[in-house]
């Protein structure tokens, strides 16, 4: 094998192995009932369920509103697997959750980040119970 070809293949393989995977930061509903979630608009937030997101205006601010059924998940950010989540990893800066007669309001990425917990290795979630 020619030295330049070997070097090219070796460099390519090294780049592939050294890349850390990107993982989702999730909001998960574990209440057993549906919850209503309001969050600041961001095109990178993903929801994989049957309910549709609608836009509402509250106090002059446009927010996304969605109903999360039990065991459904809303992706609110991403984190590289090699480190702990940071505020830059969160896509939203406002989150309001209505569950029965309880309401949780989190304003700012620091507040949202403070509620995210490590579930297992490489799995970070904000769990509503």
Protein backbone atom coordinates (compact mmCIF):
# COMPACT_ATOMS: atom_id res chain seq x y z
CA UNK A 1 0.00 0.00 0.00
CA UNK A 2 1.34 3.42 -0.89
CA UNK A 3 2.30 5.63 2.09
CA UNK A 4 -0.02 8.47 1.06
CA UNK A 5 -2.99 6.12 0.71
CA UNK A 6 -2.25 4.52 4.08
CA UNK A 7 -2.02 7.95 5.71
CA UNK A 8 -5.32 9.04 4.16
CA UNK A 9 -7.16 5.91 5.27
CA UNK A 10 -5.64 6.08 8.77
CA UNK A 11 -6.61 9.72 9.18
CA UNK A 12 -10.16 9.04 8.00
CA UNK A 13 -10.57 6.12 10.43
CA UNK A 14 -9.14 8.16 13.30
CA UNK A 15 -11.63 10.95 12.63
CA UNK A 16 -14.52 8.46 12.61
CA UNK A 17 -13.55 6.82 15.91
CA UNK A 18 -12.80 10.06 17.72
CA UNK A 19 -16.22 11.63 17.08
CA UNK A 20 -18.54 11.70 20.08
CA UNK A 21 -22.21 10.99 19.43
CA UNK A 22 -24.79 13.71 19.92
CA UNK A 23 -27.67 12.79 22.24
CA UNK A 24 -31.06 14.34 22.91
CA UNK A 25 -32.07 16.30 26.01
CA UNK A 26 -35.68 15.31 26.60
CA UNK A 27 -38.76 16.38 28.47
CA UNK A 28 -40.63 13.20 29.41
CA UNK A 29 -44.17 12.84 30.75
CA UNK A 30 -44.35 10.09 33.41
CA UNK A 31 -47.50 11.31 35.15
CA UNK A 32 -49.85 8.67 33.74
CA UNK A 33 -52.01 11.51 32.39
CA UNK A 34 -51.63 14.06 29.63
CA UNK A 35 -49.90 17.36 30.40
CA UNK A 36 -49.93 20.69 28.60
CA UNK A 37 -46.54 22.12 27.67
CA UNK A 38 -45.88 25.70 26.57
CA UNK A 39 -42.38 26.55 25.33
CA UNK A 40 -40.59 29.28 23.45
CA UNK A 41 -40.56 28.75 19.73
CA UNK A 42 -37.58 27.06 18.18
CA UNK A 43 -37.49 25.07 14.97
CA UNK A 44 -35.07 22.53 16.46
CA UNK A 45 -37.52 21.28 19.12
CA UNK A 46 -38.94 17.91 18.02
CA UNK A 47 -42.09 16.11 19.10
CA UNK A 48 -42.81 12.57 18.00
CA UNK A 49 -46.44 11.97 18.85
CA UNK A 50 -49.98 12.27 17.59
CA UNK A 51 -50.83 15.72 18.98
CA UNK A 52 -50.20 18.85 16.96
CA UNK A 53 -48.32 21.89 18.17
CA UNK A 54 -50.26 25.14 18.10
CA UNK A 55 -49.03 28.70 18.51
CA UNK A 56 -50.54 30.81 21.29
CA UNK A 57 -49.79 34.35 22.40
CA UNK A 58 -49.37 34.98 26.12
CA UNK A 59 -48.38 38.40 27.45
CA UNK A 60 -47.30 39.48 23.96
CA UNK A 61 -45.04 36.47 23.48
CA UNK A 62 -45.67 33.72 20.95
CA UNK A 63 -45.29 30.25 22.43
CA UNK A 64 -45.75 26.72 21.17
CA UNK A 65 -48.42 24.74 23.01
CA UNK A 66 -48.69 20.97 22.91
CA UNK A 67 -50.39 18.21 24.86
CA UNK A 68 -48.01 15.41 25.83
CA UNK A 69 -49.71 12.14 26.59
CA UNK A 70 -48.28 9.79 29.20
CA UNK A 71 -44.87 8.36 28.23
CA UNK A 72 -44.44 10.85 25.37
CA UNK A 73 -41.25 12.83 24.91
CA UNK A 74 -40.38 16.29 23.64
CA UNK A 75 -36.78 16.88 22.53
CA UNK A 76 -35.63 20.21 23.98
CA UNK A 77 -31.93 20.10 23.18
CA UNK A 78 -28.88 18.06 22.29
CA UNK A 79 -25.66 17.28 24.11
CA UNK A 80 -22.39 15.73 22.99
CA UNK A 81 -21.95 12.45 24.83
CA UNK A 82 -18.53 13.36 26.23
CA UNK A 83 -19.73 16.08 28.61
CA UNK A 84 -22.50 17.22 30.96
CA UNK A 85 -25.23 19.40 29.37
CA UNK A 86 -24.68 23.17 29.32
CA UNK A 87 -27.10 26.04 28.77
CA UNK A 88 -25.99 26.29 25.13
CA UNK A 89 -27.32 22.74 24.58
CA UNK A 90 -30.92 23.71 25.38
CA UNK A 91 -33.06 25.00 22.50
CA UNK A 92 -35.72 26.84 24.51
CA UNK A 93 -35.58 29.65 27.06
CA UNK A 94 -39.12 29.42 28.47
CA UNK A 95 -41.01 26.32 29.60
CA UNK A 96 -44.40 26.08 31.30
CA UNK A 97 -45.95 22.73 32.22
CA UNK A 98 -49.55 22.23 33.38
CA UNK A 99 -50.26 18.90 35.05
CA UNK A 100 -53.63 18.61 36.77
CA UNK A 101 -53.73 21.47 39.26
CA UNK A 102 -49.94 21.95 39.26
CA UNK A 103 -47.97 24.37 37.10
CA UNK A 104 -44.22 24.58 36.62
CA UNK A 105 -42.73 27.71 35.01
CA UNK A 106 -39.07 27.83 34.06
CA UNK A 107 -37.73 31.05 32.61
CA UNK A 108 -34.24 31.01 31.13
CA UNK A 109 -31.93 28.24 30.04
CA UNK A 110 -30.24 28.06 33.47
CA UNK A 111 -33.57 27.31 35.16
CA UNK A 112 -34.42 24.65 32.58
CA UNK A 113 -30.95 23.10 32.83
CA UNK A 114 -31.24 22.89 36.64
CA UNK A 115 -34.20 20.50 36.28
CA UNK A 116 -32.53 18.11 33.83
CA UNK A 117 -31.23 14.95 35.48
CA UNK A 118 -29.05 12.11 34.40
CA UNK A 119 -31.21 8.98 34.07
CA UNK A 120 -28.42 6.65 33.05
CA UNK A 121 -25.15 6.91 31.21
CA UNK A 122 -25.61 9.28 28.25
CA UNK A 123 -29.33 9.85 28.95
CA UNK A 124 -30.39 13.30 30.23
CA UNK A 125 -34.06 14.14 30.90
CA UNK A 126 -36.45 16.57 32.53
CA UNK A 127 -38.98 14.11 33.94
CA UNK A 128 -42.48 15.18 34.94
CA UNK A 129 -43.93 12.69 37.46
